[in-house]
Amino acid sequence: MLLLETLKIENRNPKNLIFHQQRMNKSQIQLFGKSSEINLVEMLQNLPENLTNQVYKCRIVYDTEIQKIEFIPYTPLRIQSLKLVFSDNLDYSLKYENRSELQNLTTQKGDCDDILICQNHQIRDTSYANIVFWDGKKWLTPKTPLLEGTQRAFLLTTQQIFEAKITVSDLLKFKFARIINAMLEFNAPIFSIQNIQF
């Protein structure tokens, strides 16, 4: 079973390495019974010389060892609308390279930019990112996401966002939302809750 770790490289500087390392170690222990000797700091100390100062997505495919590393120039998608979809049996608690179940769900997005996944009446994630909601005072993120993202972990640690149980009926209590992941930091564009289709 192959796992995936996606890191942001900006100005030839890998971002949030400590949170990526923690997730890789935790994933390997959960899936294989022990963590390997993969050390992201050492591995990314000498980046390929052809990388410029622009933003790259670093894709690391691994199991008990590194299988593949790619550096891909990054252009963010602009997400401004979400379609609420329901999938009680989906499990993406580890960041698997195989995303076929998530990709199948995205076929339900209609004319929206992406989907917002609900499980057992609780809001989880979009198809490729965590989500945060503005209640007029603070930014809240679902307490039990599909995947515990590294940007989410950083923002929780620095108390820029806070966890909360968020149900479908809670959505209309919020004003705005934004999505976050390793590539989309907390300055990602916000959009109105009215842009979520039920």
Protein backbone atom coordinates (compact mmCIF):
# COMPACT_ATOMS: atom_id res chain seq x y z
CA MET A 1 0.00 0.00 0.00
CA LEU A 2 1.60 3.26 -1.15
CA LEU A 3 1.33 6.48 0.83
CA LEU A 4 1.70 10.05 -0.38
CA GLU A 5 3.13 13.15 1.22
CA THR A 6 2.78 16.50 -0.53
CA LEU A 7 4.98 19.40 0.53
CA LYS A 8 5.17 23.01 -0.52
CA ILE A 9 8.55 24.25 -1.74
CA GLU A 10 8.78 28.04 -1.94
CA ASN A 11 11.97 29.99 -2.62
CA ARG A 12 13.71 26.61 -2.48
CA ASN A 13 12.49 26.23 1.09
CA PRO A 14 10.37 23.21 2.17
CA LYS A 15 7.45 24.34 4.36
CA ASN A 16 6.16 22.78 7.61
CA LEU A 17 8.63 19.90 7.55
CA ILE A 18 8.05 18.95 11.18
CA PHE A 19 4.34 18.32 10.58
CA HIS A 20 5.01 16.30 7.42
CA GLN A 21 7.61 14.22 9.26
CA GLN A 22 5.18 13.54 12.11
CA ARG A 23 2.45 12.44 9.72
CA MET A 24 4.78 10.16 7.75
CA ASN A 25 6.02 8.50 10.95
CA LYS A 26 2.48 8.08 12.28
CA SER A 27 1.23 6.67 8.95
CA GLN A 28 4.06 4.14 8.72
CA ILE A 29 3.48 2.95 12.30
CA GLN A 30 -0.25 2.57 11.65
CA LEU A 31 0.16 0.78 8.31
CA PHE A 32 3.42 -1.16 8.73
CA GLY A 33 3.91 -1.41 12.49
CA LYS A 34 6.97 0.83 12.66
CA SER A 35 8.36 4.04 11.19
CA SER A 36 11.31 3.93 8.82
CA GLU A 37 14.49 5.96 8.78
CA ILE A 38 13.11 8.47 6.26
CA ASN A 39 14.36 11.89 7.32
CA LEU A 40 12.73 14.72 5.38
CA VAL A 41 15.14 17.38 6.61
CA GLU A 42 18.13 15.43 5.32
CA MET A 43 16.36 14.31 2.16
CA LEU A 44 15.31 17.83 1.13
CA GLN A 45 18.48 19.59 2.23
CA ASN A 46 19.92 19.49 -1.29
CA LEU A 47 17.13 20.29 -3.72
CA PRO A 48 17.60 19.77 -7.47
CA GLU A 49 19.61 22.64 -8.96
CA ASN A 50 17.00 23.32 -11.65
CA LEU A 51 14.37 24.40 -9.09
CA THR A 52 13.80 28.14 -9.23
CA ASN A 53 12.34 30.37 -6.50
CA GLN A 54 8.78 29.74 -7.68
CA VAL A 55 6.35 27.49 -5.79
CA TYR A 56 6.62 23.74 -6.35
CA LYS A 57 4.56 20.81 -5.19
CA CYS A 58 6.88 18.10 -3.91
CA ARG A 59 5.15 14.69 -4.18
CA ILE A 60 6.74 11.93 -2.13
CA VAL A 61 5.39 8.42 -2.75
CA TYR A 62 6.51 5.95 -0.08
CA ASP A 63 5.81 2.81 1.90
CA THR A 64 8.57 1.57 4.19
CA GLU A 65 10.96 3.58 2.01
CA ILE A 66 10.81 6.32 -0.62
CA GLN A 67 9.49 5.07 -3.95
CA LYS A 68 9.35 8.31 -5.94
CA ILE A 69 9.89 12.05 -5.54
CA GLU A 70 8.56 14.66 -7.97
CA PHE A 71 8.87 18.46 -8.02
CA ILE A 72 5.97 19.99 -9.96
CA PRO A 73 5.51 23.73 -10.63
CA TYR A 74 2.38 24.73 -8.75
CA THR A 75 -0.60 26.79 -9.84
CA PRO A 76 -3.39 26.88 -7.23
CA LEU A 77 -6.95 26.01 -8.18
CA ARG A 78 -9.45 28.71 -7.28
CA ILE A 79 -12.21 27.08 -5.25
CA GLN A 80 -15.26 29.30 -4.78
CA SER A 81 -18.14 26.81 -4.64
CA LEU A 82 -18.73 23.38 -3.10
CA LYS A 83 -21.35 20.67 -3.53
CA LEU A 84 -22.33 18.80 -0.36
CA VAL A 85 -22.01 15.04 -0.86
CA PHE A 86 -22.58 12.15 1.54
CA SER A 87 -20.28 9.15 1.99
CA ASP A 88 -20.54 7.40 5.35
CA ASN A 89 -18.15 4.56 4.47
CA LEU A 90 -15.23 6.51 3.00
CA ASP A 91 -11.93 6.05 4.87
CA TYR A 92 -9.05 8.39 4.05
CA SER A 93 -7.47 8.66 7.49
CA LEU A 94 -4.07 7.99 5.88
CA LYS A 95 -2.87 9.92 2.85
CA TYR A 96 -2.86 7.11 0.30
CA GLU A 97 -1.52 7.58 -3.20
CA ASN A 98 -4.67 5.85 -4.48
CA ARG A 99 -7.41 8.47 -4.37
CA SER A 100 -9.96 6.61 -6.52
CA GLU A 101 -12.76 6.75 -3.94
CA LEU A 102 -12.36 10.50 -3.55
CA GLN A 103 -12.17 10.95 -7.33
CA ASN A 104 -15.39 8.98 -7.74
CA LEU A 105 -17.12 11.28 -5.27
CA THR A 106 -16.05 14.37 -7.22
CA THR A 107 -18.23 13.24 -10.13
CA GLN A 108 -21.14 14.49 -8.01
CA LYS A 109 -19.90 18.10 -7.89
CA GLY A 110 -22.07 19.27 -10.78
CA ASP A 111 -21.19 22.84 -11.72
CA CYS A 112 -19.39 23.48 -8.42
CA ASP A 113 -15.60 23.71 -8.12
CA ASP A 114 -15.29 20.82 -5.65
CA ILE A 115 -17.21 18.72 -3.13
CA LEU A 116 -17.72 19.04 0.63
CA ILE A 117 -17.88 15.58 2.20
CA CYS A 118 -20.33 14.75 4.98
CA GLN A 119 -20.17 11.54 7.01
CA ASN A 120 -22.78 10.55 9.59
CA HIS A 121 -24.21 14.10 9.48
CA GLN A 122 -20.81 15.66 10.24
CA ILE A 123 -18.78 17.87 7.90
CA ARG A 124 -15.32 16.43 7.09
CA ASP A 125 -13.21 17.77 4.19
CA THR A 126 -13.28 18.70 0.53
CA SER A 127 -11.87 16.20 -1.96
CA TYR A 128 -8.29 17.40 -1.46
CA ALA A 129 -8.20 19.87 1.42
CA ASN A 130 -9.35 20.60 4.94
CA ILE A 131 -11.89 23.35 5.39
CA VAL A 132 -12.30 26.18 7.91
CA PHE A 133 -15.40 28.27 8.64
CA TRP A 134 -15.70 31.85 9.93
CA ASP A 135 -18.41 32.30 12.58
CA GLY A 136 -17.92 36.05 12.91
CA LYS A 137 -15.33 35.74 15.69
CA LYS A 138 -12.97 32.89 14.86
CA TRP A 139 -12.12 30.25 12.28
CA LEU A 140 -13.34 26.74 13.06
CA THR A 141 -12.40 23.44 11.44
CA PRO A 142 -14.16 20.07 11.76
CA LYS A 143 -12.94 18.18 14.82
CA THR A 144 -12.87 14.89 12.92
CA PRO A 145 -11.62 15.51 9.36
CA LEU A 146 -11.13 12.76 6.81
CA LEU A 147 -7.40 13.50 6.89
CA GLU A 148 -5.46 15.48 9.47
CA GLY A 149 -3.66 17.90 7.17
CA THR A 150 -0.28 19.43 7.92
CA GLN A 151 -1.45 23.03 7.38
CA ARG A 152 -4.40 22.29 9.65
CA ALA A 153 -1.99 20.96 12.30
CA PHE A 154 0.18 24.09 12.02
CA LEU A 155 -2.80 26.45 12.31
CA LEU A 156 -4.22 24.56 15.31
CA THR A 157 -0.81 24.60 17.03
CA THR A 158 -0.49 28.35 16.48
CA GLN A 159 -4.14 28.88 17.54
CA GLN A 160 -5.14 30.56 14.31
CA ILE A 161 -7.99 28.05 13.94
CA PHE A 162 -9.93 25.92 16.43
CA GLU A 163 -11.62 22.52 16.30
CA ALA A 164 -15.40 22.11 16.56
CA LYS A 165 -18.03 19.50 15.83
CA ILE A 166 -19.73 20.80 12.69
CA THR A 167 -22.90 19.23 11.32
CA VAL A 168 -24.78 19.99 8.11
CA SER A 169 -27.32 22.02 10.07
CA ASP A 170 -24.49 24.12 11.52
CA LEU A 171 -23.30 25.33 8.11
CA LEU A 172 -25.77 28.21 7.83
CA LYS A 173 -24.47 29.61 11.14
CA PHE A 174 -21.24 30.53 9.37
CA LYS A 175 -20.49 33.47 7.09
CA PHE A 176 -17.45 32.38 5.10
CA ALA A 177 -15.23 29.38 4.41
CA ARG A 178 -11.81 28.73 2.97
CA ILE A 179 -9.91 25.56 2.18
CA ILE A 180 -6.42 24.77 3.43
CA ASN A 181 -3.80 22.14 2.70
CA ALA A 182 -0.02 21.88 2.42
CA MET A 183 -0.09 24.00 -0.72
CA LEU A 184 -2.86 26.40 0.33
CA GLU A 185 -1.85 28.39 3.37
CA PHE A 186 -4.13 30.50 5.53
CA ASN A 187 -4.17 33.33 2.99
CA ALA A 188 -6.25 31.24 0.56
CA PRO A 189 -9.29 33.11 -0.85
CA ILE A 190 -12.47 33.01 1.22
CA PHE A 191 -15.92 32.33 -0.22
CA SER A 192 -19.47 32.75 1.03
CA ILE A 193 -21.31 29.89 2.75
CA GLN A 194 -24.07 30.63 0.24
CA ASN A 195 -21.75 29.09 -2.37
CA ILE A 196 -22.20 25.65 -0.80
CA GLN A 197 -24.93 23.72 -2.60
CA PHE A 198 -26.98 21.38 -0.45
